[in-house]
Protein backbone atom coordinates (compact mmCIF):
# COMPACT_ATOMS: atom_id res chain seq x y z
CA UNK A 1 0.00 0.00 0.00
CA UNK A 2 1.35 3.41 -1.00
CA UNK A 3 2.15 5.79 1.84
CA UNK A 4 1.58 9.37 0.68
CA UNK A 5 4.20 12.00 1.32
CA UNK A 6 2.82 14.30 3.99
CA UNK A 7 2.59 18.05 3.45
CA UNK A 8 2.44 18.38 7.24
CA UNK A 9 4.79 15.65 8.48
CA UNK A 10 5.12 17.08 11.97
CA UNK A 11 1.40 17.66 12.52
CA UNK A 12 -0.70 15.25 14.57
CA UNK A 13 -4.07 15.40 16.29
CA UNK A 14 -4.86 18.78 17.83
CA UNK A 15 -4.58 19.18 21.59
CA UNK A 16 -8.25 20.22 21.69
CA UNK A 17 -9.33 16.84 20.35
CA UNK A 18 -6.92 14.98 22.63
CA UNK A 19 -8.09 16.70 25.80
CA UNK A 20 -11.77 16.53 24.85
CA UNK A 21 -11.44 12.79 24.25
CA UNK A 22 -9.77 12.40 27.64
CA UNK A 23 -12.58 14.41 29.23
CA UNK A 24 -15.13 12.05 27.72
CA UNK A 25 -13.14 8.96 28.71
CA UNK A 26 -12.84 10.03 32.35
CA UNK A 27 -16.21 11.82 32.50
CA UNK A 28 -14.37 15.00 33.42
CA UNK A 29 -15.61 18.60 33.33
CA UNK A 30 -14.29 20.00 30.05
CA UNK A 31 -12.78 23.46 30.59
CA UNK A 32 -10.34 22.77 27.77
CA UNK A 33 -11.93 23.35 24.38
CA UNK A 34 -13.47 26.79 23.90
CA UNK A 35 -17.19 26.24 23.62
CA UNK A 36 -20.12 27.25 25.87
CA UNK A 37 -22.25 24.70 27.70
CA UNK A 38 -25.25 27.05 27.88
CA UNK A 39 -27.97 27.71 25.31
CA UNK A 40 -27.73 30.37 22.64
CA UNK A 41 -30.30 33.12 22.14
CA UNK A 42 -33.72 31.73 21.18
CA UNK A 43 -34.28 34.76 18.94
CA UNK A 44 -31.38 33.69 16.73
CA UNK A 45 -32.56 30.08 16.64
CA UNK A 46 -36.01 31.29 15.59
CA UNK A 47 -34.53 33.55 12.92
CA UNK A 48 -32.65 30.63 11.35
CA UNK A 49 -35.70 28.37 11.57
CA UNK A 50 -37.78 31.06 9.89
CA UNK A 51 -35.21 31.36 7.11
CA UNK A 52 -35.52 27.63 6.48
CA UNK A 53 -39.32 27.81 6.43
CA UNK A 54 -39.15 30.75 4.02
CA UNK A 55 -37.20 28.62 1.57
CA UNK A 56 -33.66 30.00 1.99
CA UNK A 57 -32.17 26.52 1.68
CA UNK A 58 -30.25 26.61 -1.60
CA UNK A 59 -26.78 27.91 -2.45
CA UNK A 60 -26.10 31.39 -1.20
CA UNK A 61 -23.94 33.83 -3.17
CA UNK A 62 -20.26 32.90 -3.03
CA UNK A 63 -19.38 36.13 -1.18
CA UNK A 64 -22.28 35.83 1.24
CA UNK A 65 -25.95 36.76 1.44
CA UNK A 66 -26.11 40.51 0.63
CA UNK A 67 -28.38 41.17 3.62
CA UNK A 68 -25.67 39.77 5.91
CA UNK A 69 -22.64 41.43 4.30
CA UNK A 70 -24.49 44.74 4.37
CA UNK A 71 -25.43 44.27 8.03
CA UNK A 72 -21.77 43.53 8.81
CA UNK A 73 -20.65 46.68 6.98
CA UNK A 74 -23.17 48.73 8.98
CA UNK A 75 -21.95 47.16 12.23
CA UNK A 76 -18.32 47.94 11.34
CA UNK A 77 -19.20 51.57 10.67
CA UNK A 78 -21.04 51.88 13.98
CA UNK A 79 -18.32 50.21 16.05
CA UNK A 80 -15.14 51.32 14.31
CA UNK A 81 -16.20 54.43 12.34
CA UNK A 82 -14.90 52.94 9.11
CA UNK A 83 -16.93 52.69 5.91
CA UNK A 84 -16.28 49.50 3.98
CA UNK A 85 -17.93 48.21 0.83
CA UNK A 86 -20.12 45.21 1.64
CA UNK A 87 -19.86 43.93 -1.92
CA UNK A 88 -16.08 43.96 -2.35
CA UNK A 89 -14.64 43.92 1.18
CA UNK A 90 -16.63 41.30 3.14
CA UNK A 91 -16.81 37.54 2.56
CA UNK A 92 -18.84 35.10 4.66
CA UNK A 93 -16.92 31.93 5.55
CA UNK A 94 -17.52 28.57 7.24
CA UNK A 95 -15.76 29.69 10.40
CA UNK A 96 -12.86 31.93 11.31
CA UNK A 97 -10.26 29.14 11.14
CA UNK A 98 -11.28 28.65 7.50
CA UNK A 99 -10.96 32.39 6.94
CA UNK A 100 -7.43 32.42 8.37
CA UNK A 101 -6.42 29.48 6.15
CA UNK A 102 -7.89 31.16 3.08
CA UNK A 103 -6.20 34.47 3.88
CA UNK A 104 -2.78 32.84 4.17
CA UNK A 105 -3.35 30.62 1.12
CA UNK A 106 -4.24 33.70 -0.93
CA UNK A 107 -0.96 35.52 -0.31
CA UNK A 108 1.78 33.06 0.70
CA UNK A 109 4.22 31.67 -1.87
CA UNK A 110 7.03 29.20 -1.20
CA UNK A 111 9.82 30.85 0.77
CA UNK A 112 7.70 33.74 2.06
CA UNK A 113 8.19 34.46 5.75
CA UNK A 114 5.27 35.02 8.10
CA UNK A 115 5.79 36.52 11.55
CA UNK A 116 3.57 35.16 14.32
CA UNK A 117 3.56 35.34 18.08
CA UNK A 118 3.70 32.39 20.45
CA UNK A 119 1.77 31.04 22.20
CA UNK A 120 -0.28 30.94 19.00
CA UNK A 121 -3.57 29.43 17.92
CA UNK A 122 -2.62 26.04 16.58
CA UNK A 123 -3.76 26.48 12.96
CA UNK A 124 -1.39 29.33 12.10
CA UNK A 125 1.85 27.41 11.57
CA UNK A 126 0.32 24.49 9.60
CA UNK A 127 -1.50 27.03 7.39
CA UNK A 128 1.80 28.76 6.63
CA UNK A 129 3.73 25.54 6.05
CA UNK A 130 1.18 23.89 3.76
CA UNK A 131 1.53 26.91 1.46
CA UNK A 132 5.33 26.65 1.44
CA UNK A 133 5.80 29.59 3.74
CA UNK A 134 8.29 29.91 6.60
CA UNK A 135 6.93 30.65 10.09
CA UNK A 136 8.98 33.21 11.99
CA UNK A 137 8.04 32.63 15.62
CA UNK A 138 8.41 35.39 18.20
CA UNK A 139 7.56 34.59 21.84
CA UNK A 140 5.27 36.97 23.68
CA UNK A 141 6.75 38.31 26.91
CA UNK A 142 5.80 36.01 29.79
CA UNK A 143 3.77 36.39 32.02
CA UNK A 144 1.93 39.42 30.56
CA UNK A 145 2.17 38.10 26.99
CA UNK A 146 2.91 41.46 25.42
CA UNK A 147 4.47 41.83 21.95
CA UNK A 148 8.23 42.62 21.94
CA UNK A 149 8.07 45.00 18.98
CA UNK A 150 11.82 45.59 19.00
CA UNK A 151 12.29 41.91 18.11
CA UNK A 152 9.65 42.15 15.39
CA UNK A 153 11.59 45.00 13.84
CA UNK A 154 14.75 42.89 13.87
CA UNK A 155 12.98 40.03 12.07
CA UNK A 156 11.60 42.12 9.21
CA UNK A 157 13.42 41.52 5.92
CA UNK A 158 12.79 41.32 2.18
CA UNK A 159 11.15 37.89 2.58
CA UNK A 160 8.60 39.03 5.18
CA UNK A 161 5.20 38.63 3.55
CA UNK A 162 2.80 38.83 6.47
CA UNK A 163 2.35 39.35 10.20
CA UNK A 164 -0.37 37.48 12.08
CA UNK A 165 -1.86 39.26 15.08
CA UNK A 166 -4.55 38.02 17.47
CA UNK A 167 -6.41 40.31 19.84
CA UNK A 168 -8.02 39.54 22.24
CA UNK A 169 -5.51 36.74 22.36
CA UNK A 170 -6.11 33.01 22.42
CA UNK A 171 -4.85 31.35 24.61
CA UNK A 172 -3.76 34.04 27.09
CA UNK A 173 -6.45 36.73 27.09
CA UNK A 174 -3.91 39.50 26.38
CA UNK A 175 -5.25 42.56 24.55
CA UNK A 176 -3.56 44.92 22.10
CA UNK A 177 -3.20 48.53 23.24
CA UNK A 178 -3.23 51.61 21.04
CA UNK A 179 0.57 51.65 21.44
CA UNK A 180 0.69 48.16 19.93
CA UNK A 181 -1.25 49.36 16.90
CA UNK A 182 1.06 52.36 16.51
CA UNK A 183 4.10 50.06 16.62
CA UNK A 184 2.52 47.82 13.97
CA UNK A 185 1.75 50.81 11.74
CA UNK A 186 5.33 52.04 11.97
CA UNK A 187 6.78 48.62 11.17
CA UNK A 188 4.75 47.95 8.03
CA UNK A 189 4.67 51.53 6.70
CA UNK A 190 6.22 51.64 3.23
CA UNK A 191 6.36 47.84 2.93
CA UNK A 192 4.22 45.25 1.13
CA UNK A 193 3.61 43.31 4.34
CA UNK A 194 0.06 42.02 4.82
CA UNK A 195 -1.54 41.86 8.26
CA UNK A 196 -3.67 38.81 9.01
CA UNK A 197 -5.71 39.83 12.04
CA UNK A 198 -7.53 37.19 14.10
CA UNK A 199 -10.24 39.09 15.97
CA UNK A 200 -12.72 36.32 16.78
CA UNK A 201 -13.02 37.53 20.39
CA UNK A 202 -13.65 41.17 19.44
CA UNK A 203 -16.62 41.48 21.83
CA UNK A 204 -15.10 39.45 24.67
CA UNK A 205 -13.03 42.16 26.28
CA UNK A 206 -12.98 43.11 29.96
CA UNK A 207 -11.85 45.50 32.70
CA UNK A 208 -12.56 48.64 30.69
CA UNK A 209 -10.14 47.65 27.93
CA UNK A 210 -11.05 48.56 24.34
CA UNK A 211 -10.76 46.43 21.23
CA UNK A 212 -8.41 48.14 18.80
CA UNK A 213 -9.55 46.44 15.63
CA UNK A 214 -7.54 46.76 12.44
CA UNK A 215 -10.85 47.93 10.96
CA UNK A 216 -10.43 51.23 12.86
CA UNK A 217 -7.27 52.14 10.93
CA UNK A 218 -7.73 52.76 7.17
CA UNK A 219 -3.99 52.57 6.43
CA UNK A 220 -3.81 49.11 8.03
CA UNK A 221 -7.13 47.86 6.68
CA UNK A 222 -6.03 48.40 3.08
CA UNK A 223 -3.21 45.91 3.64
CA UNK A 224 -5.06 43.51 5.93
CA UNK A 225 -7.42 40.55 6.04
CA UNK A 226 -9.37 40.51 9.31
CA UNK A 227 -11.09 37.33 10.49
CA UNK A 228 -14.17 37.08 12.73
CA UNK A 229 -16.42 34.40 14.24
CA UNK A 230 -20.17 34.48 14.78
CA UNK A 231 -19.74 31.29 16.81
CA UNK A 232 -17.78 33.06 19.55
CA UNK A 233 -20.11 36.06 19.58
CA UNK A 234 -23.42 34.21 19.62
CA UNK A 235 -22.51 30.98 21.49
CA UNK A 236 -23.02 28.82 18.38
CA UNK A 237 -19.55 27.41 17.77
CA UNK A 238 -20.99 24.29 16.12
CA UNK A 239 -22.46 26.34 13.30
CA UNK A 240 -18.95 27.14 12.04
CA UNK A 241 -19.71 30.50 10.47
CA UNK A 242 -17.60 33.64 10.36
CA UNK A 243 -16.40 36.26 7.93
CA UNK A 244 -13.38 38.07 6.61
CA UNK A 245 -13.13 41.81 5.95
CA UNK A 246 -10.20 43.53 4.30
CA UNK A 247 -8.66 45.62 1.55
CA UNK A 248 -10.34 45.26 -1.85
CA UNK A 249 -7.30 43.90 -3.68
CA UNK A 250 -6.56 41.37 -0.97
CA UNK A 251 -10.21 40.32 -0.77
CA UNK A 252 -10.19 39.63 -4.50
CA UNK A 253 -7.36 37.14 -3.98
CA UNK A 254 -9.04 35.72 -0.87
CA UNK A 255 -12.15 34.93 -2.90
CA UNK A 256 -10.14 33.08 -5.54
CA UNK A 257 -9.18 30.58 -2.83
CA UNK A 258 -12.65 30.55 -1.27
CA UNK A 259 -14.51 29.86 -4.50
CA UNK A 260 -12.68 26.58 -5.10
CA UNK A 261 -12.82 25.41 -1.50
CA UNK A 262 -16.13 25.84 0.34
CA UNK A 263 -17.47 28.13 -2.43
CA UNK A 264 -20.41 29.15 -0.26
CA UNK A 265 -21.62 29.09 3.35
CA UNK A 266 -24.77 27.80 5.06
CA UNK A 267 -27.60 29.86 3.58
CA UNK A 268 -30.37 29.77 6.25
CA UNK A 269 -27.87 30.58 8.99
CA UNK A 270 -26.73 33.61 7.00
CA UNK A 271 -30.30 34.88 6.63
CA UNK A 272 -30.94 34.30 10.33
CA UNK A 273 -27.78 36.16 11.31
CA UNK A 274 -28.68 39.07 9.01
CA UNK A 275 -31.94 39.49 10.90
CA UNK A 276 -30.36 38.97 14.35
CA UNK A 277 -27.61 41.55 13.80
CA UNK A 278 -30.29 44.23 14.19
CA UNK A 279 -30.27 43.29 17.90
CA UNK A 280 -27.19 45.30 18.82
CA UNK A 281 -27.48 44.58 22.54
CA UNK A 282 -26.71 40.90 21.86
CA UNK A 283 -23.09 41.74 21.07
CA UNK A 284 -22.75 45.01 22.98
CA UNK A 285 -23.63 43.30 26.28
CA UNK A 286 -21.42 40.29 25.67
CA UNK A 287 -18.36 41.77 27.39
CA UNK A 288 -20.12 42.31 30.73
CA UNK A 289 -21.85 38.91 30.47
CA UNK A 290 -18.57 37.08 29.95
CA UNK A 291 -16.59 39.17 32.45
CA UNK A 292 -19.07 38.10 35.12
CA UNK A 293 -18.23 34.48 34.28
CA UNK A 294 -14.50 35.15 34.40
CA UNK A 295 -14.82 36.92 37.74
CA UNK A 296 -17.04 34.16 39.13
CA UNK A 297 -14.46 31.55 38.16
CA UNK A 298 -11.59 33.58 39.64
CA UNK A 299 -13.47 33.91 42.94
CA UNK A 300 -14.26 30.20 42.92
CA UNK A 301 -10.56 29.41 42.40
CA UNK A 302 -9.37 31.61 45.27
CA UNK A 303 -7.61 29.51 47.86
CA UNK A 304 -6.62 26.84 45.36
CA UNK A 305 -2.97 26.13 44.56
CA UNK A 306 -3.32 27.66 41.10
CA UNK A 307 -2.10 31.21 40.47
CA UNK A 308 -4.06 33.28 37.91
CA UNK A 309 -2.31 35.24 35.17
CA UNK A 310 -3.77 38.47 33.73
CA UNK A 311 -6.61 37.92 31.25
CA UNK A 312 -8.48 40.89 29.80
CA UNK A 313 -10.33 39.18 26.95
CA UNK A 314 -11.39 35.97 25.18
CA UNK A 315 -13.03 32.87 26.72
CA UNK A 316 -9.92 31.94 28.65
CA UNK A 317 -8.20 32.30 31.99
CA UNK A 318 -4.68 30.95 32.40
CA UNK A 319 -3.29 29.65 35.68
CA UNK A 320 0.29 28.85 36.66
CA UNK A 321 1.39 25.86 38.73
CA UNK A 322 5.13 26.61 38.38
CA UNK A 323 5.46 27.15 42.14
CA UNK A 324 4.29 23.60 42.82
CA UNK A 325 6.71 21.40 40.85
CA UNK A 326 8.45 20.89 37.51
CA UNK A 327 6.14 18.35 35.85
CA UNK A 328 5.59 19.28 32.21
CA UNK A 329 2.24 20.88 31.50
CA UNK A 330 0.93 18.16 29.18
CA UNK A 331 1.48 15.46 31.80
CA UNK A 332 0.06 17.72 34.48
CA UNK A 333 -3.05 18.40 32.40
CA UNK A 334 -3.53 14.67 31.87
CA UNK A 335 -3.17 14.10 35.60
CA UNK A 336 -5.89 16.66 36.35
CA UNK A 337 -8.29 14.86 34.01
CA UNK A 338 -7.56 11.39 35.38
CA UNK A 339 -7.23 12.19 39.09
CA UNK A 340 -9.41 15.26 39.60
CA UNK A 341 -11.94 15.20 36.74
CA UNK A 342 -11.18 18.54 35.09
CA UNK A 343 -9.88 18.97 31.54
CA UNK A 344 -7.70 21.97 30.62
CA UNK A 345 -5.31 22.83 27.77
CA UNK A 346 -1.53 22.93 28.41
CA UNK A 347 -0.06 26.14 27.01
CA UNK A 348 3.01 24.37 25.62
CA UNK A 349 0.68 23.10 22.87
CA UNK A 350 0.56 26.64 21.51
CA UNK A 351 4.34 26.70 20.95
CA UNK A 352 5.90 24.84 18.02
CA UNK A 353 8.81 23.71 20.19
CA UNK A 354 6.65 23.01 23.24
CA UNK A 355 7.92 25.87 25.41
CA UNK A 356 6.69 25.10 28.91
CA UNK A 357 6.10 27.80 31.53
CA UNK A 358 3.89 25.47 33.63
CA UNK A 359 0.69 27.23 32.56
CA UNK A 360 -2.76 25.78 31.84
CA UNK A 361 -5.63 27.39 29.93
CA UNK A 362 -9.18 27.14 31.35
CA UNK A 363 -12.33 28.04 29.39
CA UNK A 364 -14.83 29.94 31.55
CA UNK A 365 -17.59 30.20 28.91
CA UNK A 366 -19.66 27.81 31.00
CA UNK A 367 -22.64 27.78 33.32
CA UNK A 368 -21.80 28.95 36.84
CA UNK A 369 -22.67 25.52 38.20
CA UNK A 370 -20.12 23.97 35.81
CA UNK A 371 -17.43 26.43 36.89
CA UNK A 372 -18.21 25.90 40.56
CA UNK A 373 -18.02 22.10 40.27
CA UNK A 374 -14.70 22.37 38.44
CA UNK A 375 -13.29 24.75 41.05
CA UNK A 376 -14.36 22.43 43.86
CA UNK A 377 -12.46 19.59 42.23
CA UNK A 378 -9.41 21.79 41.62
CA UNK A 379 -9.34 22.88 45.28
CA UNK A 380 -8.44 19.29 46.11
CA UNK A 381 -5.16 19.56 44.20
CA UNK A 382 -2.17 19.90 46.53
C-alpha cells in the first residue's frame, strides 16, 4: 500500500481533540476546548428556523448573502467608524479558522516568511507551512504576553510577507493597546507586508479595555485581512460561520481561494444572522456577560494552589502551577483529568517547540454551576 508523502509531516491530532477525548473517557468537566455549555439566544434560533421555512435553503452567493454582508458593513461603521464596501470587502466563511487558512493561502508563496507570536492558535503554523511559507516565531513576553516590537523590527526583511496578530488573544487573554497598533503601523509603513488579524473575540473584552480592531485604521485595513467568528459572539460554535473583511485587492485574492474550496456558506444561517444583527445589545452586552463568568471563576478558584495570570479578553483564563513542581504541563493536564476530573489545555501546545512555563488554559464560557463544580475539584489539588 502506498504511503503518501505528507505536506504536514510534523502535525498530529490537535490538543483540543486529545483533551476533549480524555474528558469524555474520564467523564471530566471540560474546561479545555473553547465552547459554551449554555444555550444560545432563542431569537437567533427562531430567525434561522424562519429562514428555512421561508425557503432560503439553496446555495447562497459565493461572497455571502447581501443582507448579511451589508449588516456587517453597517456594524463595522457603527463600532469602528470605518466605511467599507459590503460587496467587495466582506466575505462570509464557514468559520474563522477557515478564513485564516484562506487568507494565508491567498498571499503566501514558497519561501515567504510570516511573523507570528507564540503562544499561538494552533492552525497558524500548519497554514503557513502547507503553502510553502516559513513561520517566523516570536515569543510573547511572559507572564503578561505582550508583543516585543523591537524583536519584530529585527525580524523584518525582504522575505517578510505577512504578520499574524490576534487580539483579544487566544490562549492568554492578552489585549492589544493603542501603542501596539502604533508600533505595527510604523513597522509595516512603506512595505508590502500584509496583516492577518484574528479578531474572533472582538466582543469578549474586559476590565474597561477597548478592542483596537484593524478595521479602525484605514492605512492598516487596506493591507489587511481581518477574520471574525459568529460562533464566539453568539454561542453557536458548532455552526462554524464567520467572515473576513479587508482591503479590496486582498479580498479579490481571498475569494479566488474561497470559490474553489467551500465556495459558499450555510444559507439559512446567513439569513438568520442578518436578521439577528439588528439586535445590537446581543453583542454590545457580551463583554459584561462574559466578564461576570471570568470573575465568578476567579473567585471560585481563590484559595486553590493555582495562580491566575492576567486575562483581559477571550473565553480563557490561564493559571500557573510553576510554584508547585516541575512536571511538564501536558502530563500535568492529563493528571488533572484522570485524578481530579477537570480537563484543561496545556499552554506548551501553543508553541511549536513546546515551550513550557507550567501554565494551563481554562475556558470559563460555561454555566456557573459547571465552573463551581470544576473549582471544587481543583481545590483538592495539593
